[in-house]
N, C-alpha and C. Protein backbone atom coordinates (compact mmCIF):
# COMPACT_ATOMS: atom_id res chain seq x y z
N MET A 1 50.87 -80.91 19.10
CA MET A 1 50.32 -80.96 20.42
C MET A 1 49.41 -79.74 20.63
N ASN A 2 48.27 -79.97 21.25
CA ASN A 2 47.33 -78.89 21.52
C ASN A 2 47.56 -78.35 22.92
N THR A 3 47.61 -77.06 22.96
CA THR A 3 47.71 -76.42 24.26
C THR A 3 46.52 -75.49 24.42
N ILE A 4 45.97 -75.46 25.59
CA ILE A 4 44.83 -74.59 25.86
C ILE A 4 45.35 -73.34 26.54
N TYR A 5 45.06 -72.26 25.91
CA TYR A 5 45.51 -70.99 26.46
C TYR A 5 44.60 -70.59 27.61
N PRO A 6 45.17 -70.12 28.70
CA PRO A 6 44.37 -69.79 29.89
C PRO A 6 43.31 -68.73 29.62
N GLU A 7 43.58 -67.72 28.75
CA GLU A 7 42.57 -66.67 28.51
C GLU A 7 41.37 -67.23 27.74
N ARG A 8 41.57 -68.21 26.87
CA ARG A 8 40.45 -68.84 26.16
C ARG A 8 39.62 -69.68 27.12
N LYS A 9 40.29 -70.37 28.02
CA LYS A 9 39.59 -71.21 28.96
C LYS A 9 38.71 -70.36 29.89
N ARG A 10 39.19 -69.23 30.31
CA ARG A 10 38.42 -68.33 31.17
C ARG A 10 37.21 -67.76 30.43
N LEU A 11 37.32 -67.54 29.14
CA LEU A 11 36.26 -66.91 28.36
C LEU A 11 35.23 -67.93 27.87
N SER A 12 35.59 -69.17 27.67
CA SER A 12 34.68 -70.14 27.06
C SER A 12 33.50 -70.51 27.96
N ARG A 13 33.69 -70.67 29.26
CA ARG A 13 32.60 -71.06 30.14
C ARG A 13 31.52 -69.97 30.23
N PRO A 14 31.86 -68.69 30.48
CA PRO A 14 30.80 -67.65 30.52
C PRO A 14 30.11 -67.48 29.17
N LEU A 15 30.86 -67.63 28.08
CA LEU A 15 30.26 -67.51 26.74
C LEU A 15 29.27 -68.64 26.51
N ALA A 16 29.60 -69.85 26.92
CA ALA A 16 28.70 -70.99 26.76
C ALA A 16 27.43 -70.79 27.59
N MET A 17 27.57 -70.27 28.79
CA MET A 17 26.40 -70.03 29.63
C MET A 17 25.51 -68.94 29.04
N LEU A 18 26.10 -67.89 28.49
CA LEU A 18 25.34 -66.82 27.86
C LEU A 18 24.57 -67.34 26.66
N LEU A 19 25.23 -68.11 25.81
CA LEU A 19 24.56 -68.65 24.63
C LEU A 19 23.44 -69.61 25.03
N SER A 20 23.64 -70.40 26.06
CA SER A 20 22.59 -71.31 26.53
C SER A 20 21.38 -70.53 27.03
N ALA A 21 21.63 -69.47 27.76
CA ALA A 21 20.53 -68.64 28.27
C ALA A 21 19.78 -67.99 27.12
N LEU A 22 20.49 -67.50 26.12
CA LEU A 22 19.83 -66.87 24.97
C LEU A 22 18.98 -67.86 24.18
N LEU A 23 19.40 -69.11 24.13
CA LEU A 23 18.62 -70.12 23.42
C LEU A 23 17.34 -70.49 24.14
N THR A 24 17.28 -70.30 25.44
CA THR A 24 16.06 -70.64 26.18
C THR A 24 15.04 -69.51 26.20
N VAL A 25 15.44 -68.29 25.86
CA VAL A 25 14.52 -67.15 25.88
C VAL A 25 13.33 -67.37 24.95
N PRO A 26 13.51 -67.76 23.67
CA PRO A 26 12.33 -67.96 22.82
C PRO A 26 11.40 -69.05 23.36
N LEU A 27 11.96 -70.10 23.92
CA LEU A 27 11.14 -71.17 24.46
C LEU A 27 10.29 -70.67 25.62
N LEU A 28 10.90 -69.92 26.52
CA LEU A 28 10.17 -69.41 27.68
C LEU A 28 9.17 -68.34 27.31
N SER A 29 9.47 -67.50 26.34
CA SER A 29 8.55 -66.42 25.98
C SER A 29 7.34 -66.96 25.22
N SER A 30 7.46 -68.10 24.56
CA SER A 30 6.32 -68.65 23.83
C SER A 30 5.32 -69.31 24.77
N CYS A 31 5.69 -69.56 25.98
CA CYS A 31 4.79 -70.19 26.95
C CYS A 31 4.11 -69.16 27.83
N GLY A 32 4.08 -67.91 27.42
CA GLY A 32 3.54 -66.83 28.24
C GLY A 32 2.09 -67.03 28.59
N GLY A 33 1.64 -66.25 29.55
CA GLY A 33 0.28 -66.36 30.05
C GLY A 33 -0.78 -65.99 29.04
N GLY A 34 -0.49 -65.10 28.12
CA GLY A 34 -1.46 -64.75 27.08
C GLY A 34 -2.68 -64.04 27.61
N GLY A 35 -2.51 -62.91 28.22
CA GLY A 35 -3.64 -62.13 28.70
C GLY A 35 -4.50 -61.66 27.53
N SER A 36 -5.63 -61.04 27.82
CA SER A 36 -6.53 -60.62 26.76
C SER A 36 -6.31 -59.16 26.36
N ARG A 37 -5.12 -58.63 26.61
CA ARG A 37 -4.83 -57.27 26.18
C ARG A 37 -4.78 -57.24 24.66
N ASN A 38 -5.53 -56.33 24.07
CA ASN A 38 -5.55 -56.16 22.62
C ASN A 38 -5.75 -57.49 21.91
N ALA A 39 -6.62 -58.33 22.42
CA ALA A 39 -6.83 -59.65 21.83
C ALA A 39 -7.50 -59.50 20.47
N ALA A 40 -6.89 -60.08 19.47
CA ALA A 40 -7.46 -60.08 18.13
C ALA A 40 -8.49 -61.19 18.03
N PRO A 41 -9.40 -61.10 17.06
CA PRO A 41 -10.37 -62.18 16.89
C PRO A 41 -9.65 -63.47 16.53
N PRO A 42 -10.22 -64.61 16.86
CA PRO A 42 -9.60 -65.88 16.52
C PRO A 42 -9.49 -66.04 15.00
N PRO A 43 -8.66 -66.98 14.55
CA PRO A 43 -8.47 -67.16 13.11
C PRO A 43 -9.72 -67.71 12.43
N PRO A 44 -9.82 -67.57 11.10
CA PRO A 44 -10.99 -68.06 10.38
C PRO A 44 -11.14 -69.58 10.48
N VAL A 45 -12.38 -70.03 10.39
CA VAL A 45 -12.69 -71.45 10.39
C VAL A 45 -13.38 -71.77 9.09
N ASP A 46 -12.96 -72.85 8.45
CA ASP A 46 -13.62 -73.28 7.22
C ASP A 46 -14.65 -74.32 7.60
N ASP A 47 -15.90 -73.98 7.46
CA ASP A 47 -16.99 -74.86 7.86
C ASP A 47 -17.33 -75.89 6.78
N SER A 48 -16.46 -76.08 5.80
CA SER A 48 -16.78 -77.02 4.74
C SER A 48 -16.73 -78.46 5.22
N VAL A 49 -16.14 -78.69 6.37
CA VAL A 49 -16.09 -80.04 6.93
C VAL A 49 -17.19 -80.16 7.98
N GLY A 50 -18.09 -81.06 7.77
CA GLY A 50 -19.12 -81.32 8.77
C GLY A 50 -20.35 -80.45 8.64
N ARG A 51 -20.24 -79.19 8.98
CA ARG A 51 -21.41 -78.32 9.02
C ARG A 51 -21.32 -77.27 7.93
N THR A 52 -22.32 -77.16 7.11
CA THR A 52 -22.38 -76.13 6.10
C THR A 52 -23.61 -75.28 6.34
N VAL A 53 -23.80 -74.29 5.51
CA VAL A 53 -24.93 -73.38 5.69
C VAL A 53 -26.26 -74.13 5.60
N ASN A 54 -26.38 -75.08 4.69
CA ASN A 54 -27.63 -75.83 4.57
C ASN A 54 -27.65 -77.06 5.44
N ASN A 55 -26.60 -77.28 6.23
CA ASN A 55 -26.53 -78.38 7.17
C ASN A 55 -26.16 -77.82 8.54
N PRO A 56 -27.02 -76.98 9.13
CA PRO A 56 -26.68 -76.34 10.40
C PRO A 56 -26.63 -77.35 11.54
N ALA A 57 -26.18 -76.88 12.67
CA ALA A 57 -26.10 -77.73 13.85
C ALA A 57 -27.49 -78.26 14.20
N PRO A 58 -27.57 -79.46 14.74
CA PRO A 58 -28.88 -80.02 15.09
C PRO A 58 -29.65 -79.08 16.00
N GLY A 59 -30.94 -79.01 15.77
CA GLY A 59 -31.80 -78.14 16.57
C GLY A 59 -32.00 -76.78 15.92
N ASN A 60 -31.15 -76.41 14.95
CA ASN A 60 -31.28 -75.13 14.27
C ASN A 60 -31.88 -75.30 12.88
N GLN A 61 -32.44 -76.47 12.59
CA GLN A 61 -32.94 -76.76 11.26
C GLN A 61 -34.26 -76.03 11.04
N PRO A 62 -34.34 -75.24 9.95
CA PRO A 62 -35.59 -74.54 9.66
C PRO A 62 -36.67 -75.52 9.22
N GLN A 63 -37.91 -75.18 9.51
CA GLN A 63 -39.02 -76.02 9.10
C GLN A 63 -39.29 -75.83 7.62
N ALA A 64 -39.48 -76.92 6.91
CA ALA A 64 -39.75 -76.86 5.47
C ALA A 64 -41.17 -76.34 5.25
N LYS A 65 -41.32 -75.52 4.21
CA LYS A 65 -42.64 -75.01 3.88
C LYS A 65 -43.40 -76.09 3.13
N LYS A 66 -44.66 -76.16 3.38
CA LYS A 66 -45.49 -77.15 2.70
C LYS A 66 -46.09 -76.51 1.47
N GLY A 67 -45.78 -77.08 0.31
CA GLY A 67 -46.33 -76.59 -0.94
C GLY A 67 -45.62 -75.36 -1.46
N LEU A 68 -45.80 -75.09 -2.73
CA LEU A 68 -45.18 -73.94 -3.38
C LEU A 68 -46.26 -73.08 -4.01
N SER A 69 -46.03 -71.79 -4.04
CA SER A 69 -46.98 -70.91 -4.71
C SER A 69 -46.79 -71.04 -6.22
N THR A 70 -47.68 -70.47 -6.99
CA THR A 70 -47.61 -70.57 -8.45
C THR A 70 -46.31 -70.00 -8.98
N GLY A 71 -45.83 -68.90 -8.43
CA GLY A 71 -44.60 -68.28 -8.91
C GLY A 71 -43.34 -69.04 -8.55
N GLN A 72 -43.44 -70.00 -7.62
CA GLN A 72 -42.27 -70.74 -7.18
C GLN A 72 -42.20 -72.15 -7.75
N LYS A 73 -43.12 -72.55 -8.60
CA LYS A 73 -43.14 -73.92 -9.07
C LYS A 73 -41.97 -74.26 -9.97
N VAL A 74 -41.44 -73.31 -10.72
CA VAL A 74 -40.29 -73.57 -11.56
C VAL A 74 -39.05 -73.16 -10.77
N GLY A 75 -38.20 -74.13 -10.46
CA GLY A 75 -37.01 -73.85 -9.66
C GLY A 75 -35.74 -73.99 -10.48
N ILE A 76 -34.75 -73.20 -10.14
CA ILE A 76 -33.43 -73.25 -10.76
C ILE A 76 -32.46 -73.68 -9.67
N THR A 77 -31.51 -74.53 -10.01
CA THR A 77 -30.51 -74.95 -9.05
C THR A 77 -29.30 -74.03 -9.15
N LEU A 78 -28.92 -73.48 -8.01
CA LEU A 78 -27.71 -72.66 -7.93
C LEU A 78 -26.67 -73.43 -7.15
N ALA A 79 -25.47 -73.52 -7.70
CA ALA A 79 -24.36 -74.18 -7.03
C ALA A 79 -23.13 -73.30 -7.16
N GLY A 80 -22.06 -73.64 -6.46
CA GLY A 80 -20.79 -72.92 -6.59
C GLY A 80 -20.92 -71.44 -6.30
N ALA A 81 -20.35 -70.63 -7.18
CA ALA A 81 -20.33 -69.17 -6.99
C ALA A 81 -21.73 -68.59 -6.98
N ALA A 82 -22.61 -69.11 -7.80
CA ALA A 82 -23.98 -68.59 -7.84
C ALA A 82 -24.68 -68.84 -6.50
N ALA A 83 -24.48 -70.01 -5.92
CA ALA A 83 -25.10 -70.32 -4.63
C ALA A 83 -24.53 -69.44 -3.52
N LEU A 84 -23.21 -69.24 -3.54
CA LEU A 84 -22.59 -68.38 -2.52
C LEU A 84 -23.10 -66.95 -2.62
N TYR A 85 -23.22 -66.44 -3.84
CA TYR A 85 -23.68 -65.07 -4.02
C TYR A 85 -25.15 -64.95 -3.59
N TYR A 86 -25.92 -65.98 -3.88
CA TYR A 86 -27.32 -65.99 -3.44
C TYR A 86 -27.39 -65.95 -1.91
N LEU A 87 -26.59 -66.81 -1.24
CA LEU A 87 -26.58 -66.83 0.22
C LEU A 87 -26.11 -65.50 0.80
N TYR A 88 -25.07 -64.93 0.18
CA TYR A 88 -24.56 -63.63 0.63
C TYR A 88 -25.66 -62.57 0.54
N ASN A 89 -26.34 -62.51 -0.60
CA ASN A 89 -27.39 -61.50 -0.77
C ASN A 89 -28.55 -61.70 0.19
N ARG A 90 -28.86 -62.95 0.53
CA ARG A 90 -29.95 -63.22 1.46
C ARG A 90 -29.60 -62.79 2.89
N HIS A 91 -28.31 -62.83 3.25
CA HIS A 91 -27.89 -62.58 4.63
C HIS A 91 -27.12 -61.28 4.83
N LYS A 92 -26.85 -60.52 3.79
CA LYS A 92 -25.95 -59.37 3.95
C LYS A 92 -26.50 -58.26 4.83
N ASN A 93 -27.80 -58.17 5.00
CA ASN A 93 -28.38 -57.12 5.83
C ASN A 93 -28.97 -57.65 7.13
N ALA A 94 -28.67 -58.90 7.46
CA ALA A 94 -29.20 -59.50 8.69
C ALA A 94 -28.60 -58.81 9.91
N GLN A 95 -29.33 -58.81 11.00
CA GLN A 95 -28.87 -58.15 12.22
C GLN A 95 -28.27 -59.14 13.22
N LYS A 96 -28.53 -60.44 13.04
CA LYS A 96 -28.04 -61.44 13.99
C LYS A 96 -26.58 -61.78 13.71
N GLU A 97 -25.99 -62.57 14.61
CA GLU A 97 -24.63 -63.09 14.43
C GLU A 97 -24.72 -64.57 14.14
N GLY A 98 -23.64 -65.13 13.62
CA GLY A 98 -23.57 -66.56 13.39
C GLY A 98 -24.05 -66.96 12.01
N ALA A 99 -24.29 -68.27 11.84
CA ALA A 99 -24.62 -68.84 10.54
C ALA A 99 -25.92 -68.28 9.96
N THR A 100 -26.83 -67.84 10.82
CA THR A 100 -28.08 -67.27 10.32
C THR A 100 -28.04 -65.75 10.33
N GLY A 101 -26.90 -65.19 10.67
CA GLY A 101 -26.76 -63.74 10.76
C GLY A 101 -26.20 -63.11 9.51
N LYS A 102 -25.50 -62.01 9.69
CA LYS A 102 -24.99 -61.21 8.60
C LYS A 102 -23.81 -61.89 7.91
N TYR A 103 -23.83 -61.89 6.57
CA TYR A 103 -22.75 -62.45 5.77
C TYR A 103 -21.97 -61.31 5.13
N TYR A 104 -20.69 -61.56 4.90
CA TYR A 104 -19.80 -60.57 4.30
C TYR A 104 -19.15 -61.18 3.07
N LEU A 105 -18.79 -60.33 2.12
CA LEU A 105 -18.09 -60.76 0.91
C LEU A 105 -16.67 -60.23 1.01
N SER A 106 -15.70 -61.14 1.03
CA SER A 106 -14.30 -60.73 1.18
C SER A 106 -13.73 -60.34 -0.17
N LYS A 107 -12.60 -59.65 -0.13
CA LYS A 107 -11.98 -59.22 -1.38
C LYS A 107 -11.36 -60.37 -2.15
N ASN A 108 -11.22 -61.55 -1.52
CA ASN A 108 -10.72 -62.71 -2.25
C ASN A 108 -11.85 -63.50 -2.88
N GLY A 109 -13.07 -63.00 -2.80
CA GLY A 109 -14.20 -63.65 -3.45
C GLY A 109 -14.85 -64.76 -2.65
N ARG A 110 -14.65 -64.75 -1.35
CA ARG A 110 -15.28 -65.76 -0.50
C ARG A 110 -16.32 -65.08 0.40
N VAL A 111 -17.27 -65.86 0.84
CA VAL A 111 -18.33 -65.37 1.71
C VAL A 111 -18.06 -65.91 3.12
N TYR A 112 -18.27 -65.06 4.13
CA TYR A 112 -18.04 -65.47 5.51
C TYR A 112 -19.02 -64.78 6.44
N TYR A 113 -19.09 -65.32 7.65
CA TYR A 113 -19.85 -64.68 8.72
C TYR A 113 -19.00 -64.73 9.98
N ARG A 114 -19.36 -63.94 10.96
CA ARG A 114 -18.64 -63.94 12.24
C ARG A 114 -19.58 -64.46 13.32
N ASP A 115 -19.01 -65.28 14.21
CA ASP A 115 -19.81 -65.78 15.31
C ASP A 115 -19.78 -64.78 16.46
N ALA A 116 -20.35 -65.15 17.60
CA ALA A 116 -20.43 -64.25 18.75
C ALA A 116 -19.05 -63.86 19.28
N ASN A 117 -18.03 -64.70 19.03
CA ASN A 117 -16.66 -64.40 19.47
C ASN A 117 -15.87 -63.67 18.39
N LYS A 118 -16.54 -63.21 17.36
CA LYS A 118 -15.93 -62.49 16.23
C LYS A 118 -15.00 -63.37 15.40
N GLN A 119 -15.13 -64.69 15.53
CA GLN A 119 -14.32 -65.61 14.72
C GLN A 119 -14.96 -65.74 13.34
N VAL A 120 -14.12 -65.72 12.32
CA VAL A 120 -14.59 -65.81 10.94
C VAL A 120 -14.86 -67.26 10.58
N HIS A 121 -16.01 -67.50 9.94
CA HIS A 121 -16.37 -68.82 9.42
C HIS A 121 -16.62 -68.67 7.93
N TRP A 122 -15.87 -69.39 7.11
CA TRP A 122 -16.06 -69.34 5.67
C TRP A 122 -17.30 -70.16 5.31
N VAL A 123 -18.10 -69.64 4.41
CA VAL A 123 -19.31 -70.32 3.97
C VAL A 123 -18.97 -71.08 2.69
N THR A 124 -19.38 -72.32 2.62
CA THR A 124 -19.17 -73.12 1.42
C THR A 124 -20.53 -73.45 0.81
N PRO A 125 -20.60 -73.48 -0.51
CA PRO A 125 -21.89 -73.80 -1.12
C PRO A 125 -22.24 -75.27 -0.88
N PRO A 126 -23.51 -75.57 -0.69
CA PRO A 126 -23.90 -76.96 -0.49
C PRO A 126 -23.58 -77.79 -1.73
N SER A 127 -23.16 -79.03 -1.54
CA SER A 127 -22.74 -79.86 -2.67
C SER A 127 -23.88 -80.14 -3.65
N GLY A 128 -25.10 -80.22 -3.16
CA GLY A 128 -26.23 -80.48 -4.05
C GLY A 128 -26.83 -79.22 -4.65
N GLY A 129 -26.31 -78.07 -4.29
CA GLY A 129 -26.87 -76.82 -4.79
C GLY A 129 -28.07 -76.37 -3.98
N ILE A 130 -28.65 -75.26 -4.40
CA ILE A 130 -29.81 -74.68 -3.72
C ILE A 130 -30.91 -74.51 -4.75
N GLN A 131 -32.10 -74.99 -4.43
CA GLN A 131 -33.24 -74.78 -5.31
C GLN A 131 -33.80 -73.39 -5.05
N VAL A 132 -33.85 -72.58 -6.08
CA VAL A 132 -34.30 -71.19 -5.96
C VAL A 132 -35.40 -70.95 -6.98
N PRO A 133 -36.45 -70.20 -6.61
CA PRO A 133 -37.48 -69.87 -7.59
C PRO A 133 -36.86 -69.13 -8.79
N GLU A 134 -37.38 -69.39 -9.96
CA GLU A 134 -36.83 -68.80 -11.18
C GLU A 134 -36.80 -67.27 -11.11
N SER A 135 -37.80 -66.69 -10.48
CA SER A 135 -37.84 -65.23 -10.39
C SER A 135 -36.66 -64.67 -9.59
N GLU A 136 -36.21 -65.39 -8.58
CA GLU A 136 -35.05 -64.95 -7.80
C GLU A 136 -33.73 -65.34 -8.45
N ALA A 137 -33.72 -66.42 -9.20
CA ALA A 137 -32.47 -66.96 -9.75
C ALA A 137 -31.95 -66.18 -10.95
N GLN A 138 -32.78 -65.41 -11.61
CA GLN A 138 -32.35 -64.74 -12.83
C GLN A 138 -31.16 -63.81 -12.63
N GLN A 139 -31.05 -63.17 -11.49
CA GLN A 139 -29.93 -62.25 -11.27
C GLN A 139 -28.59 -62.95 -11.11
N TYR A 140 -28.59 -64.29 -10.99
CA TYR A 140 -27.36 -65.06 -10.82
C TYR A 140 -26.98 -65.83 -12.09
N ARG A 141 -27.66 -65.58 -13.19
CA ARG A 141 -27.44 -66.37 -14.41
C ARG A 141 -26.06 -66.21 -15.02
N ASP A 142 -25.32 -65.14 -14.68
CA ASP A 142 -23.98 -64.94 -15.23
C ASP A 142 -22.89 -65.65 -14.41
N PHE A 143 -23.25 -66.27 -13.28
CA PHE A 143 -22.26 -66.85 -12.38
C PHE A 143 -22.09 -68.35 -12.60
N GLN A 144 -20.89 -68.82 -12.22
CA GLN A 144 -20.60 -70.26 -12.26
C GLN A 144 -21.57 -70.97 -11.32
N GLY A 145 -22.11 -72.09 -11.77
CA GLY A 145 -23.01 -72.87 -10.94
C GLY A 145 -24.48 -72.58 -11.19
N TYR A 146 -24.79 -71.62 -12.05
CA TYR A 146 -26.19 -71.32 -12.35
C TYR A 146 -26.75 -72.47 -13.17
N ASN A 147 -27.75 -73.15 -12.64
CA ASN A 147 -28.42 -74.25 -13.31
C ASN A 147 -27.44 -75.32 -13.80
N GLY A 148 -26.40 -75.59 -13.00
CA GLY A 148 -25.44 -76.64 -13.31
C GLY A 148 -24.32 -76.23 -14.26
N ARG A 149 -24.25 -74.97 -14.63
CA ARG A 149 -23.24 -74.51 -15.57
C ARG A 149 -21.89 -74.35 -14.88
N SER A 150 -20.81 -74.74 -15.57
CA SER A 150 -19.47 -74.66 -14.97
C SER A 150 -18.70 -73.42 -15.42
N THR A 151 -19.27 -72.62 -16.28
CA THR A 151 -18.60 -71.40 -16.73
C THR A 151 -19.35 -70.19 -16.20
N GLY A 152 -18.69 -69.06 -16.23
CA GLY A 152 -19.30 -67.82 -15.80
C GLY A 152 -18.43 -67.08 -14.81
N ARG A 153 -19.00 -66.02 -14.25
CA ARG A 153 -18.27 -65.18 -13.30
C ARG A 153 -18.10 -65.88 -11.96
N ASP A 154 -17.09 -65.44 -11.21
CA ASP A 154 -16.98 -65.89 -9.83
C ASP A 154 -17.12 -64.67 -8.93
N LEU A 155 -17.03 -64.86 -7.64
CA LEU A 155 -17.31 -63.76 -6.71
C LEU A 155 -16.19 -62.72 -6.63
N ARG A 156 -15.01 -63.03 -7.15
CA ARG A 156 -13.96 -62.00 -7.17
C ARG A 156 -14.36 -60.84 -8.07
N ASP A 157 -15.25 -61.10 -9.01
CA ASP A 157 -15.72 -60.03 -9.90
C ASP A 157 -16.60 -59.01 -9.17
N VAL A 158 -17.25 -59.42 -8.09
CA VAL A 158 -18.15 -58.52 -7.38
C VAL A 158 -17.64 -58.13 -6.01
N ALA A 159 -16.51 -58.72 -5.59
CA ALA A 159 -15.96 -58.45 -4.25
C ALA A 159 -15.53 -56.99 -4.15
N PRO A 160 -15.86 -56.35 -3.03
CA PRO A 160 -15.44 -54.96 -2.84
C PRO A 160 -13.92 -54.87 -2.64
N ALA A 161 -13.33 -53.81 -3.12
CA ALA A 161 -11.87 -53.64 -3.04
C ALA A 161 -11.39 -53.42 -1.60
N ASN A 162 -12.25 -52.89 -0.75
CA ASN A 162 -11.84 -52.59 0.62
C ASN A 162 -12.52 -53.48 1.64
N ALA A 163 -12.78 -54.73 1.28
CA ALA A 163 -13.42 -55.65 2.21
C ALA A 163 -12.48 -55.97 3.37
N PRO A 164 -13.03 -56.24 4.56
CA PRO A 164 -12.19 -56.43 5.72
C PRO A 164 -11.31 -57.67 5.70
N ILE A 165 -11.65 -58.72 4.97
CA ILE A 165 -10.77 -59.92 4.99
C ILE A 165 -10.18 -60.15 3.64
């Protein structure tokens, strides 16, 4: 036969209420107002879906140049790491923000830019590659993706050790 001791009965109800209250604290604290005190930049965005560097938002499309000069008639296709390094070098000293602004090379070997809200956007190489004049393409000949090659260096080889991301 089970008997309930009076001291256990007196202790069980307050203990149950305390445990219930403690279980609701994480739920209530996660719904906080979220002020902008010490607000960190938003998380990175991978722009590989939908919009890429060579497929900017409508209205931001650069005008194509008509004709090529004699030095630009022979073109090399850069894809993969070679294309990313080319894009990074073209934008690393830019003063603007966003997709046409300054690009950074992270220590994990990826290229990114920050938008006006300081949100990181990862840059992905265009699937068809980039046509580059031979005179400019020579410095990328050791990288993967140079003229369709699948072997070579990647960007982790050139990434700075103290990069911010």
